[in-house]
Amino acid sequence: MPEDRTETVCAVLADCAGATNVVVVPGAARFPRGDLVTADLAREAANEVIEALQGLGIERDGSISLEQLDVSLSVGAEVAEERAPGYGDDAVVWQELDRRITNDSLLTWSFVAFLALATQLAGIAALIDSPILVVGAMVLGPEFAAVAAICYGILRGRIRQIGAALRTLVIGFAVAIVITYVCALVSRWIGVIELDRLPAERPMTAFIYSPDRWSFIVALLAGAGGVLSLTAGKSSALVGVFISVTTVPAAGNLAVALALKQGDEISGSLLQLGVNLAGMVIAGTLTLLVQQYVWRLVLRRRGGSPGGRNPREGRAGAGQGLGS
């Protein structure tokens, strides 16, 4: 940061109940020139610091970096966490969530490649009625980040973010389905696929093209669980979300059904895909709204800053703290 703002930043950190271990290294920065200030922040207290630093223009004239600390052996850090309002696992890291879902929902070659590979696995699962391959396809698919980006865009009223995420989903699934469709046609021509149509009896995988009320309920639960796992940084829980929702399997079944010209399964797969995506978006958006409202109540009771008032705010953090 510029040297003329160092003392102001230190005052901000001193006023924050969840900040400790403040270190100043004068003249450490060369381009742009300035001082380096680091501190450990309790996850649940970092939002007010980020907001204050942004108000001072630090991100414009310098930089603000956040790092998660896996271990911090410090009595001061423990005291800071106790003084900070709420609990770290309940605090939404708005800036972290924003950056993560924005980066993960970009329409990149890797996104399309993972989605295409997952869709092909799902297509094979439809042909041989393999639930194991269905699970593998679910885990491999990267589409939830785009779903989460839509939820966050709705929460913040960001039309462009919603449009970008929808574009990623539509183009990604379209390319993945086309690739799987072409592979299915080629496999049929060279004799790898000997079926004229998908098996009529598929007790292990029929659910991927037969949407019902349970499909929508599962999508709602998975959408809420997925957003909670993203905001709390629980990657293991996010894997469980992937295994719960049949978006990619429905796309794979759709591609194979198109290749075999099986109309009933085409419509069923499309409906399953739409039901799951809609359910996740609805539940994910509502979950973010509830988290924002509940955290504001926590801060009011503890006399903290409400936070989360504009799209640029974040509630940053780590279990022990963040270096900034």
C-alpha atoms as a PDB file:
ATOM      1  CA  MET A   1       0.000   0.000   0.000  1.00  0.00           C
ATOM      2  CA  PRO A   2       1.105   3.609  -0.405  1.00  0.00           C
ATOM      3  CA  GLU A   3       3.130   4.794   2.585  1.00  0.00           C
ATOM      4  CA  ASP A   4       0.673   7.562   3.422  1.00  0.00           C
ATOM      5  CA  ARG A   5      -2.055   4.998   4.167  1.00  0.00           C
ATOM      6  CA  THR A   6      -0.087   2.560   6.308  1.00  0.00           C
ATOM      7  CA  GLU A   7      -1.076   4.029   9.669  1.00  0.00           C
ATOM      8  CA  THR A   8      -4.732   4.211   8.605  1.00  0.00           C
ATOM      9  CA  VAL A   9      -4.667   0.549   7.628  1.00  0.00           C
ATOM     10  CA  CYS A  10      -3.028  -0.373  10.920  1.00  0.00           C
ATOM     11  CA  ALA A  11      -5.774   1.546  12.725  1.00  0.00           C
ATOM     12  CA  VAL A  12      -8.396  -0.428  10.818  1.00  0.00           C
ATOM     13  CA  LEU A  13      -6.752  -3.676  11.902  1.00  0.00           C
ATOM     14  CA  ALA A  14      -6.443  -2.484  15.479  1.00  0.00           C
ATOM     15  CA  ASP A  15     -10.160  -1.689  15.582  1.00  0.00           C
ATOM     16  CA  CYS A  16     -11.090  -5.142  14.264  1.00  0.00           C
ATOM     17  CA  ALA A  17     -11.810  -7.652  17.036  1.00  0.00           C
ATOM     18  CA  GLY A  18     -10.803 -10.560  14.817  1.00  0.00           C
ATOM     19  CA  ALA A  19      -7.404  -9.210  13.709  1.00  0.00           C
ATOM     20  CA  THR A  20      -4.078  -9.995  15.358  1.00  0.00           C
ATOM     21  CA  ASN A  21      -0.381 -10.488  14.600  1.00  0.00           C
ATOM     22  CA  VAL A  22      -0.158  -7.242  12.614  1.00  0.00           C
ATOM     23  CA  VAL A  23       3.228  -6.798  10.947  1.00  0.00           C
ATOM     24  CA  VAL A  24       4.501  -3.742   9.031  1.00  0.00           C
ATOM     25  CA  VAL A  25       7.473  -3.919   6.675  1.00  0.00           C
ATOM     26  CA  PRO A  26       8.244  -0.304   5.629  1.00  0.00           C
ATOM     27  CA  GLY A  27       9.314   0.255   2.032  1.00  0.00           C
ATOM     28  CA  ALA A  28       9.097  -3.460   1.154  1.00  0.00           C
ATOM     29  CA  ALA A  29       7.230  -2.890  -2.104  1.00  0.00           C
ATOM     30  CA  ARG A  30       9.066  -1.623  -5.185  1.00  0.00           C
ATOM     31  CA  PHE A  31       6.373  -1.620  -7.886  1.00  0.00           C
ATOM     32  CA  PRO A  32       4.151   0.032  -6.999  1.00  0.00           C
ATOM     33  CA  ARG A  33       6.219   1.555  -4.224  1.00  0.00           C
ATOM     34  CA  GLY A  34       4.885   1.276  -0.704  1.00  0.00           C
ATOM     35  CA  ASP A  35       4.756  -0.641   2.563  1.00  0.00           C
ATOM     36  CA  LEU A  36       3.750  -4.238   3.248  1.00  0.00           C
ATOM     37  CA  VAL A  37       1.256  -4.909   6.041  1.00  0.00           C
ATOM     38  CA  THR A  38       0.236  -8.441   7.030  1.00  0.00           C
ATOM     39  CA  ALA A  39      -2.188  -9.672   9.668  1.00  0.00           C
ATOM     40  CA  ASP A  40      -4.001 -12.788  10.773  1.00  0.00           C
ATOM     41  CA  LEU A  41      -7.780 -12.421  10.535  1.00  0.00           C
ATOM     42  CA  ALA A  42     -10.464 -14.674  11.922  1.00  0.00           C
ATOM     43  CA  ARG A  43     -12.631 -15.831   9.032  1.00  0.00           C
ATOM     44  CA  GLU A  44     -15.775 -14.394  10.552  1.00  0.00           C
ATOM     45  CA  ALA A  45     -14.236 -10.933  11.053  1.00  0.00           C
ATOM     46  CA  ALA A  46     -12.434 -10.371   7.759  1.00  0.00           C
ATOM     47  CA  ASN A  47     -15.353  -8.862   5.861  1.00  0.00           C
ATOM     48  CA  GLU A  48     -15.212  -5.553   7.719  1.00  0.00           C
ATOM     49  CA  VAL A  49     -11.456  -5.326   7.093  1.00  0.00           C
ATOM     50  CA  ILE A  50     -11.800  -5.992   3.371  1.00  0.00           C
ATOM     51  CA  GLU A  51     -14.570  -3.410   3.115  1.00  0.00           C
ATOM     52  CA  ALA A  52     -12.479  -0.832   4.952  1.00  0.00           C
ATOM     53  CA  LEU A  53      -9.395  -1.499   2.790  1.00  0.00           C
ATOM     54  CA  GLN A  54     -11.462  -1.161  -0.366  1.00  0.00           C
ATOM     55  CA  GLY A  55     -12.819   2.117   0.973  1.00  0.00           C
ATOM     56  CA  LEU A  56      -9.229   3.343   1.318  1.00  0.00           C
ATOM     57  CA  GLY A  57      -8.487   2.404  -2.306  1.00  0.00           C
ATOM     58  CA  ILE A  58      -5.842  -0.175  -1.379  1.00  0.00           C
ATOM     59  CA  GLU A  59      -6.870  -2.573  -4.131  1.00  0.00           C
ATOM     60  CA  ARG A  60      -6.571   0.284  -6.645  1.00  0.00           C
ATOM     61  CA  ASP A  61      -3.214   1.705  -5.519  1.00  0.00           C
ATOM     62  CA  GLY A  62      -1.729  -1.500  -4.105  1.00  0.00           C
ATOM     63  CA  SER A  63      -3.183  -4.952  -3.559  1.00  0.00           C
ATOM     64  CA  ILE A  64      -5.149  -7.061  -1.093  1.00  0.00           C
ATOM     65  CA  SER A  65      -4.253 -10.754  -0.928  1.00  0.00           C
ATOM     66  CA  LEU A  66      -5.924 -13.452   1.145  1.00  0.00           C
ATOM     67  CA  GLU A  67      -4.351 -16.758   2.123  1.00  0.00           C
ATOM     68  CA  GLN A  68      -5.825 -19.570   4.138  1.00  0.00           C
ATOM     69  CA  LEU A  69      -3.726 -20.675   7.092  1.00  0.00           C
ATOM     70  CA  ASP A  70      -3.974 -24.377   7.867  1.00  0.00           C
ATOM     71  CA  VAL A  71      -2.336 -24.056  11.283  1.00  0.00           C
ATOM     72  CA  SER A  72      -1.757 -21.026  13.514  1.00  0.00           C
ATOM     73  CA  LEU A  73      -0.332 -21.661  16.983  1.00  0.00           C
ATOM     74  CA  SER A  74      -1.000 -18.368  18.695  1.00  0.00           C
ATOM     75  CA  VAL A  75      -2.849 -17.383  21.838  1.00  0.00           C
ATOM     76  CA  GLY A  76      -3.521 -14.019  20.207  1.00  0.00           C
ATOM     77  CA  ALA A  77      -5.132 -15.727  17.228  1.00  0.00           C
ATOM     78  CA  GLU A  78      -7.357 -17.788  19.524  1.00  0.00           C
ATOM     79  CA  VAL A  79      -8.431 -14.668  21.377  1.00  0.00           C
ATOM     80  CA  ALA A  80      -9.162 -12.902  18.086  1.00  0.00           C
ATOM     81  CA  GLU A  81     -11.377 -15.790  16.970  1.00  0.00           C
ATOM     82  CA  GLU A  82     -13.259 -15.711  20.271  1.00  0.00           C
ATOM     83  CA  ARG A  83     -13.845 -11.952  19.982  1.00  0.00           C
ATOM     84  CA  ALA A  84     -15.003 -12.113  16.368  1.00  0.00           C
ATOM     85  CA  PRO A  85     -18.778 -12.460  15.880  1.00  0.00           C
ATOM     86  CA  GLY A  86     -20.207 -15.865  15.017  1.00  0.00           C
ATOM     87  CA  TYR A  87     -18.297 -18.943  13.918  1.00  0.00           C
ATOM     88  CA  GLY A  88     -15.817 -19.311  11.075  1.00  0.00           C
ATOM     89  CA  ASP A  89     -17.643 -22.177   9.374  1.00  0.00           C
ATOM     90  CA  ASP A  90     -20.845 -20.114   9.261  1.00  0.00           C
ATOM     91  CA  ALA A  91     -19.230 -17.011   7.768  1.00  0.00           C
ATOM     92  CA  VAL A  92     -19.649 -16.651   4.009  1.00  0.00           C
ATOM     93  CA  VAL A  93     -16.470 -15.553   2.279  1.00  0.00           C
ATOM     94  CA  TRP A  94     -18.188 -13.373  -0.303  1.00  0.00           C
ATOM     95  CA  GLN A  95     -15.020 -12.237  -2.076  1.00  0.00           C
ATOM     96  CA  GLU A  96     -13.597 -15.759  -2.080  1.00  0.00           C
ATOM     97  CA  LEU A  97     -16.891 -17.199  -3.319  1.00  0.00           C
ATOM     98  CA  ASP A  98     -17.126 -14.551  -6.036  1.00  0.00           C
ATOM     99  CA  ARG A  99     -13.631 -15.181  -7.368  1.00  0.00           C
ATOM    100  CA  ARG A 100     -13.905 -18.965  -7.105  1.00  0.00           C
ATOM    101  CA  ILE A 101     -17.176 -19.418  -8.953  1.00  0.00           C
ATOM    102  CA  THR A 102     -16.270 -16.774 -11.530  1.00  0.00           C
ATOM    103  CA  ASN A 103     -13.006 -18.534 -12.380  1.00  0.00           C
ATOM    104  CA  ASP A 104     -14.460 -22.052 -12.251  1.00  0.00           C
ATOM    105  CA  SER A 105     -17.449 -21.161 -14.446  1.00  0.00           C
ATOM    106  CA  LEU A 106     -15.454 -19.672 -17.323  1.00  0.00           C
ATOM    107  CA  LEU A 107     -16.005 -21.363 -20.680  1.00  0.00           C
ATOM    108  CA  THR A 108     -12.503 -22.783 -20.985  1.00  0.00           C
ATOM    109  CA  TRP A 109     -11.170 -25.754 -22.923  1.00  0.00           C
ATOM    110  CA  SER A 110     -10.654 -27.646 -19.677  1.00  0.00           C
ATOM    111  CA  PHE A 111     -14.283 -27.036 -18.637  1.00  0.00           C
ATOM    112  CA  VAL A 112     -15.570 -28.354 -21.959  1.00  0.00           C
ATOM    113  CA  ALA A 113     -13.110 -31.273 -21.933  1.00  0.00           C
ATOM    114  CA  PHE A 114     -14.129 -32.423 -18.446  1.00  0.00           C
ATOM    115  CA  LEU A 115     -17.817 -32.073 -19.303  1.00  0.00           C
ATOM    116  CA  ALA A 116     -17.384 -33.975 -22.595  1.00  0.00           C
ATOM    117  CA  LEU A 117     -15.483 -36.797 -20.889  1.00  0.00           C
ATOM    118  CA  ALA A 118     -18.103 -37.017 -18.159  1.00  0.00           C
ATOM    119  CA  THR A 119     -20.911 -37.060 -20.715  1.00  0.00           C
ATOM    120  CA  GLN A 120     -19.245 -39.880 -22.650  1.00  0.00           C
ATOM    121  CA  LEU A 121     -18.897 -41.902 -19.444  1.00  0.00           C
ATOM    122  CA  ALA A 122     -22.587 -41.340 -18.837  1.00  0.00           C
ATOM    123  CA  GLY A 123     -23.379 -42.453 -22.393  1.00  0.00           C
ATOM    124  CA  ILE A 124     -21.527 -45.713 -21.859  1.00  0.00           C
ATOM    125  CA  ALA A 125     -23.330 -46.148 -18.542  1.00  0.00           C
ATOM    126  CA  ALA A 126     -26.645 -45.836 -20.382  1.00  0.00           C
ATOM    127  CA  LEU A 127     -25.638 -48.540 -22.873  1.00  0.00           C
ATOM    128  CA  ILE A 128     -24.465 -51.100 -20.308  1.00  0.00           C
ATOM    129  CA  ASP A 129     -26.718 -50.060 -17.395  1.00  0.00           C
ATOM    130  CA  SER A 130     -23.769 -49.318 -15.106  1.00  0.00           C
ATOM    131  CA  PRO A 131     -24.447 -47.257 -11.947  1.00  0.00           C
ATOM    132  CA  ILE A 132     -20.708 -47.125 -11.217  1.00  0.00           C
ATOM    133  CA  LEU A 133     -20.061 -45.252 -14.460  1.00  0.00           C
ATOM    134  CA  VAL A 134     -22.996 -42.947 -13.680  1.00  0.00           C
ATOM    135  CA  VAL A 135     -21.349 -42.017 -10.374  1.00  0.00           C
ATOM    136  CA  GLY A 136     -18.009 -41.496 -12.140  1.00  0.00           C
ATOM    137  CA  ALA A 137     -19.647 -39.189 -14.667  1.00  0.00           C
ATOM    138  CA  MET A 138     -21.319 -37.198 -11.893  1.00  0.00           C
ATOM    139  CA  VAL A 139     -18.050 -36.641 -10.040  1.00  0.00           C
ATOM    140  CA  LEU A 140     -16.125 -35.707 -13.197  1.00  0.00           C
ATOM    141  CA  GLY A 141     -18.628 -33.102 -14.388  1.00  0.00           C
ATOM    142  CA  PRO A 142     -17.619 -29.459 -13.623  1.00  0.00           C
ATOM    143  CA  GLU A 143     -21.022 -27.855 -14.144  1.00  0.00           C
ATOM    144  CA  PHE A 144     -21.900 -26.968 -10.540  1.00  0.00           C
ATOM    145  CA  ALA A 145     -19.589 -23.941 -10.517  1.00  0.00           C
ATOM    146  CA  ALA A 146     -21.652 -22.388 -13.311  1.00  0.00           C
ATOM    147  CA  VAL A 147     -24.861 -23.181 -11.413  1.00  0.00           C
ATOM    148  CA  ALA A 148     -23.406 -21.498  -8.312  1.00  0.00           C
ATOM    149  CA  ALA A 149     -22.411 -18.480 -10.417  1.00  0.00           C
ATOM    150  CA  ILE A 150     -26.035 -18.129 -11.560  1.00  0.00           C
ATOM    151  CA  CYS A 151     -27.219 -18.278  -7.933  1.00  0.00           C
ATOM    152  CA  TYR A 152     -24.705 -15.631  -6.874  1.00  0.00           C
ATOM    153  CA  GLY A 153     -25.591 -13.471  -9.871  1.00  0.00           C
ATOM    154  CA  ILE A 154     -29.271 -13.600  -8.905  1.00  0.00           C
ATOM    155  CA  LEU A 155     -28.406 -12.695  -5.299  1.00  0.00           C
ATOM    156  CA  ARG A 156     -26.342  -9.681  -6.372  1.00  0.00           C
ATOM    157  CA  GLY A 157     -28.483  -8.687  -9.343  1.00  0.00           C
ATOM    158  CA  ARG A 158     -25.628  -9.234 -11.801  1.00  0.00           C
ATOM    159  CA  ILE A 159     -27.249  -9.824 -15.159  1.00  0.00           C
ATOM    160  CA  ARG A 160     -23.926 -10.181 -16.960  1.00  0.00           C
ATOM    161  CA  GLN A 161     -22.687 -12.823 -14.544  1.00  0.00           C
ATOM    162  CA  ILE A 162     -25.920 -14.793 -14.933  1.00  0.00           C
ATOM    163  CA  GLY A 163     -25.651 -14.541 -18.714  1.00  0.00           C
ATOM    164  CA  ALA A 164     -22.018 -15.655 -18.734  1.00  0.00           C
ATOM    165  CA  ALA A 165     -22.766 -18.674 -16.532  1.00  0.00           C
ATOM    166  CA  LEU A 166     -25.787 -19.631 -18.642  1.00  0.00           C
ATOM    167  CA  ARG A 167     -23.621 -19.343 -21.745  1.00  0.00           C
ATOM    168  CA  THR A 168     -21.051 -21.655 -20.186  1.00  0.00           C
ATOM    169  CA  LEU A 169     -23.711 -24.232 -19.317  1.00  0.00           C
ATOM    170  CA  VAL A 170     -25.497 -24.116 -22.665  1.00  0.00           C
ATOM    171  CA  ILE A 171     -22.377 -24.199 -24.826  1.00  0.00           C
ATOM    172  CA  GLY A 172     -20.620 -26.693 -22.565  1.00  0.00           C
ATOM    173  CA  PHE A 173     -23.492 -29.159 -22.544  1.00  0.00           C
ATOM    174  CA  ALA A 174     -24.156 -28.643 -26.259  1.00  0.00           C
ATOM    175  CA  VAL A 175     -20.543 -29.421 -27.191  1.00  0.00           C
ATOM    176  CA  ALA A 176     -20.395 -32.375 -24.782  1.00  0.00           C
ATOM    177  CA  ILE A 177     -23.633 -33.841 -26.170  1.00  0.00           C
ATOM    178  CA  VAL A 178     -22.512 -33.367 -29.777  1.00  0.00           C
ATOM    179  CA  ILE A 179     -19.164 -35.050 -29.102  1.00  0.00           C
ATOM    180  CA  THR A 180     -20.861 -37.968 -27.352  1.00  0.00           C
ATOM    181  CA  TYR A 181     -23.442 -38.194 -30.145  1.00  0.00           C
ATOM    182  CA  VAL A 182     -20.731 -38.361 -32.818  1.00  0.00           C
ATOM    183  CA  CYS A 183     -18.791 -40.962 -30.826  1.00  0.00           C
ATOM    184  CA  ALA A 184     -21.959 -43.035 -30.472  1.00  0.00           C
ATOM    185  CA  LEU A 185     -22.610 -42.851 -34.221  1.00  0.00           C
ATOM    186  CA  VAL A 186     -19.052 -43.874 -35.066  1.00  0.00           C
ATOM    187  CA  SER A 187     -19.197 -46.692 -32.520  1.00  0.00           C
ATOM    188  CA  ARG A 188     -22.398 -47.928 -34.100  1.00  0.00           C
ATOM    189  CA  TRP A 189     -20.944 -47.799 -37.608  1.00  0.00           C
ATOM    190  CA  ILE A 190     -17.837 -49.780 -36.661  1.00  0.00           C
ATOM    191  CA  GLY A 191     -19.771 -52.294 -34.597  1.00  0.00           C
ATOM    192  CA  VAL A 192     -18.786 -51.306 -31.068  1.00  0.00           C
ATOM    193  CA  ILE A 193     -22.441 -50.518 -30.345  1.00  0.00           C
ATOM    194  CA  GLU A 194     -24.534 -53.415 -31.583  1.00  0.00           C
ATOM    195  CA  LEU A 195     -27.845 -52.152 -30.227  1.00  0.00           C
ATOM    196  CA  ASP A 196     -30.560 -50.606 -32.389  1.00  0.00           C
ATOM    197  CA  ARG A 197     -32.036 -48.914 -29.347  1.00  0.00           C
ATOM    198  CA  LEU A 198     -31.304 -48.514 -25.656  1.00  0.00           C
ATOM    199  CA  PRO A 199     -32.370 -51.473 -23.512  1.00  0.00           C
ATOM    200  CA  ALA A 200     -36.025 -51.330 -22.478  1.00  0.00           C
ATOM    201  CA  GLU A 201     -35.170 -52.621 -19.000  1.00  0.00           C
ATOM    202  CA  ARG A 202     -32.463 -50.655 -17.235  1.00  0.00           C
ATOM    203  CA  PRO A 203     -33.177 -51.093 -13.527  1.00  0.00           C
ATOM    204  CA  MET A 204     -29.874 -49.530 -12.412  1.00  0.00           C
ATOM    205  CA  THR A 205     -29.856 -46.377 -14.555  1.00  0.00           C
ATOM    206  CA  ALA A 206     -33.471 -45.740 -15.581  1.00  0.00           C
ATOM    207  CA  PHE A 207     -33.608 -42.813 -13.145  1.00  0.00           C
ATOM    208  CA  ILE A 208     -31.400 -40.657 -15.383  1.00  0.00           C
ATOM    209  CA  TYR A 209     -34.151 -40.257 -17.994  1.00  0.00           C
ATOM    210  CA  SER A 210     -37.253 -40.684 -15.793  1.00  0.00           C
ATOM    211  CA  PRO A 211     -37.748 -37.426 -13.856  1.00  0.00           C
ATOM    212  CA  ASP A 212     -40.308 -37.353 -11.067  1.00  0.00           C
ATOM    213  CA  ARG A 213     -40.997 -35.385  -7.891  1.00  0.00           C
ATOM    214  CA  TRP A 214     -37.974 -36.986  -6.236  1.00  0.00           C
ATOM    215  CA  SER A 215     -35.721 -35.662  -8.988  1.00  0.00           C
ATOM    216  CA  PHE A 216     -36.725 -32.106  -8.131  1.00  0.00           C
ATOM    217  CA  ILE A 217     -36.444 -32.690  -4.373  1.00  0.00           C
ATOM    218  CA  VAL A 218     -32.960 -34.165  -4.782  1.00  0.00           C
ATOM    219  CA  ALA A 219     -31.965 -31.206  -6.967  1.00  0.00           C
ATOM    220  CA  LEU A 220     -33.166 -28.778  -4.290  1.00  0.00           C
ATOM    221  CA  LEU A 221     -31.218 -30.579  -1.568  1.00  0.00           C
ATOM    222  CA  ALA A 222     -28.113 -30.823  -3.749  1.00  0.00           C
ATOM    223  CA  GLY A 223     -28.276 -27.139  -4.699  1.00  0.00           C
ATOM    224  CA  ALA A 224     -28.455 -26.097  -1.050  1.00  0.00           C
ATOM    225  CA  GLY A 225     -25.711 -28.530  -0.064  1.00  0.00           C
ATOM    226  CA  GLY A 226     -23.483 -27.432  -2.933  1.00  0.00           C
ATOM    227  CA  VAL A 227     -23.686 -23.749  -2.038  1.00  0.00           C
ATOM    228  CA  LEU A 228     -23.080 -24.520   1.647  1.00  0.00           C
ATOM    229  CA  SER A 229     -20.027 -26.603   0.767  1.00  0.00           C
ATOM    230  CA  LEU A 230     -18.635 -23.801  -1.399  1.00  0.00           C
ATOM    231  CA  THR A 231     -19.156 -21.088   1.198  1.00  0.00           C
ATOM    232  CA  ALA A 232     -17.768 -23.228   4.028  1.00  0.00           C
ATOM    233  CA  GLY A 233     -14.894 -24.629   1.968  1.00  0.00           C
ATOM    234  CA  LYS A 234     -16.026 -28.239   2.466  1.00  0.00           C
ATOM    235  CA  SER A 235     -14.735 -29.955  -0.687  1.00  0.00           C
ATOM    236  CA  SER A 236     -15.709 -33.421   0.549  1.00  0.00           C
ATOM    237  CA  ALA A 237     -19.320 -32.297   0.885  1.00  0.00           C
ATOM    238  CA  LEU A 238     -19.227 -30.885  -2.648  1.00  0.00           C
ATOM    239  CA  VAL A 239     -18.286 -34.324  -4.012  1.00  0.00           C
ATOM    240  CA  GLY A 240     -21.432 -35.659  -2.364  1.00  0.00           C
ATOM    241  CA  VAL A 241     -23.421 -33.018  -4.222  1.00  0.00           C
ATOM    242  CA  PHE A 242     -21.941 -34.108  -7.537  1.00  0.00           C
ATOM    243  CA  ILE A 243     -22.990 -37.704  -6.882  1.00  0.00           C
ATOM    244  CA  SER A 244     -26.548 -36.651  -6.032  1.00  0.00           C
ATOM    245  CA  VAL A 245     -27.648 -34.859  -9.192  1.00  0.00           C
ATOM    246  CA  THR A 246     -28.066 -36.449 -12.618  1.00  0.00           C
ATOM    247  CA  THR A 247     -27.281 -33.516 -14.895  1.00  0.00           C
ATOM    248  CA  VAL A 248     -24.322 -35.089 -16.722  1.00  0.00           C
ATOM    249  CA  PRO A 249     -25.879 -38.591 -16.832  1.00  0.00           C
ATOM    250  CA  ALA A 250     -29.001 -37.105 -18.394  1.00  0.00           C
ATOM    251  CA  ALA A 251     -26.856 -35.373 -21.019  1.00  0.00           C
ATOM    252  CA  GLY A 252     -25.010 -38.617 -21.799  1.00  0.00           C
ATOM    253  CA  ASN A 253     -28.256 -40.551 -22.095  1.00  0.00           C
ATOM    254  CA  LEU A 254     -29.606 -37.817 -24.364  1.00  0.00           C
ATOM    255  CA  ALA A 255     -26.640 -38.100 -26.731  1.00  0.00           C
ATOM    256  CA  VAL A 256     -26.909 -41.886 -27.019  1.00  0.00           C
ATOM    257  CA  ALA A 257     -30.689 -41.709 -27.418  1.00  0.00           C
ATOM    258  CA  LEU A 258     -30.212 -39.213 -30.258  1.00  0.00           C
ATOM    259  CA  ALA A 259     -27.748 -41.536 -31.974  1.00  0.00           C
ATOM    260  CA  LEU A 260     -30.170 -44.459 -31.664  1.00  0.00           C
ATOM    261  CA  LYS A 261     -33.193 -42.272 -32.535  1.00  0.00           C
ATOM    262  CA  GLN A 262     -35.087 -43.144 -29.364  1.00  0.00           C
ATOM    263  CA  GLY A 263     -37.558 -40.293 -28.926  1.00  0.00           C
ATOM    264  CA  ASP A 264     -39.031 -41.164 -25.530  1.00  0.00           C
ATOM    265  CA  GLU A 265     -35.633 -41.179 -23.842  1.00  0.00           C
ATOM    266  CA  ILE A 266     -34.620 -37.966 -25.607  1.00  0.00           C
ATOM    267  CA  SER A 267     -37.551 -36.083 -24.082  1.00  0.00           C
ATOM    268  CA  GLY A 268     -37.067 -37.739 -20.694  1.00  0.00           C
ATOM    269  CA  SER A 269     -33.371 -36.858 -20.615  1.00  0.00           C
ATOM    270  CA  LEU A 270     -34.041 -33.235 -21.564  1.00  0.00           C
ATOM    271  CA  LEU A 271     -36.671 -32.934 -18.868  1.00  0.00           C
ATOM    272  CA  GLN A 272     -34.375 -34.536 -16.279  1.00  0.00           C
ATOM    273  CA  LEU A 273     -31.577 -32.124 -17.180  1.00  0.00           C
ATOM    274  CA  GLY A 274     -33.880 -29.112 -16.943  1.00  0.00           C
ATOM    275  CA  VAL A 275     -35.465 -30.200 -13.654  1.00  0.00           C
ATOM    276  CA  ASN A 276     -32.088 -30.715 -12.006  1.00  0.00           C
ATOM    277  CA  LEU A 277     -30.596 -27.419 -13.149  1.00  0.00           C
ATOM    278  CA  ALA A 278     -33.728 -25.469 -12.165  1.00  0.00           C
ATOM    279  CA  GLY A 279     -33.884 -27.122  -8.743  1.00  0.00           C
ATOM    280  CA  MET A 280     -30.237 -26.405  -7.988  1.00  0.00           C
ATOM    281  CA  VAL A 281     -30.525 -22.757  -9.024  1.00  0.00           C
ATOM    282  CA  ILE A 282     -33.633 -22.199  -6.887  1.00  0.00           C
ATOM    283  CA  ALA A 283     -32.185 -23.887  -3.802  1.00  0.00           C
ATOM    284  CA  GLY A 284     -28.732 -22.345  -4.221  1.00  0.00           C
ATOM    285  CA  THR A 285     -30.110 -18.819  -4.475  1.00  0.00           C
ATOM    286  CA  LEU A 286     -32.373 -19.277  -1.460  1.00  0.00           C
ATOM    287  CA  THR A 287     -29.462 -20.703   0.542  1.00  0.00           C
ATOM    288  CA  LEU A 288     -27.310 -17.657  -0.195  1.00  0.00           C
ATOM    289  CA  LEU A 289     -30.172 -15.352   0.788  1.00  0.00           C
ATOM    290  CA  VAL A 290     -30.646 -17.186   4.086  1.00  0.00           C
ATOM    291  CA  GLN A 291     -26.908 -17.135   4.808  1.00  0.00           C
ATOM    292  CA  GLN A 292     -26.722 -13.397   4.151  1.00  0.00           C
ATOM    293  CA  TYR A 293     -29.734 -12.670   6.356  1.00  0.00           C
ATOM    294  CA  VAL A 294     -28.635 -14.924   9.224  1.00  0.00           C
ATOM    295  CA  TRP A 295     -25.117 -13.474   9.267  1.00  0.00           C
ATOM    296  CA  ARG A 296     -26.478  -9.950   9.415  1.00  0.00           C
ATOM    297  CA  LEU A 297     -28.483 -10.964  12.486  1.00  0.00           C
ATOM    298  CA  VAL A 298     -25.334 -12.406  14.084  1.00  0.00           C
ATOM    299  CA  LEU A 299     -23.406  -9.191  13.472  1.00  0.00           C
ATOM    300  CA  ARG A 300     -26.199  -7.012  14.820  1.00  0.00           C
ATOM    301  CA  ARG A 301     -26.325  -8.991  18.037  1.00  0.00           C
ATOM    302  CA  ARG A 302     -22.559  -8.662  18.438  1.00  0.00           C
ATOM    303  CA  GLY A 303     -22.525  -5.016  17.334  1.00  0.00           C
ATOM    304  CA  GLY A 304     -20.534  -5.760  14.173  1.00  0.00           C
ATOM    305  CA  SER A 305     -20.745  -4.438  10.651  1.00  0.00           C
ATOM    306  CA  PRO A 306     -23.575  -6.022   8.645  1.00  0.00           C
ATOM    307  CA  GLY A 307     -21.395  -6.680   5.594  1.00  0.00           C
ATOM    308  CA  GLY A 308     -22.580  -8.192   2.345  1.00  0.00           C
ATOM    309  CA  ARG A 309     -24.160  -4.913   1.232  1.00  0.00           C
ATOM    310  CA  ASN A 310     -22.693  -4.705  -2.231  1.00  0.00           C
ATOM    311  CA  PRO A 311     -21.323  -7.089  -4.874  1.00  0.00           C
ATOM    312  CA  ARG A 312     -17.708  -6.357  -4.000  1.00  0.00           C
ATOM    313  CA  GLU A 313     -17.877  -7.237  -0.338  1.00  0.00           C
ATOM    314  CA  GLY A 314     -16.470 -10.438   1.069  1.00  0.00           C
ATOM    315  CA  ARG A 315     -16.508 -12.332   4.296  1.00  0.00           C
ATOM    316  CA  ALA A 316     -13.069 -13.742   4.023  1.00  0.00           C
ATOM    317  CA  GLY A 317     -11.339 -16.360   5.867  1.00  0.00           C
ATOM    318  CA  ALA A 318      -9.728 -19.436   7.123  1.00  0.00           C
ATOM    319  CA  GLY A 319     -10.264 -21.573  10.150  1.00  0.00           C
ATOM    320  CA  GLN A 320      -7.326 -19.951  11.923  1.00  0.00           C
ATOM    321  CA  GLY A 321      -7.014 -16.773   9.889  1.00  0.00           C
ATOM    322  CA  LEU A 322      -5.961 -15.117   6.670  1.00  0.00           C
ATOM    323  CA  GLY A 323      -2.746 -13.385   5.726  1.00  0.00           C
ATOM    324  CA  SER A 324      -3.470 -10.078   4.010  1.00  0.00           C
END
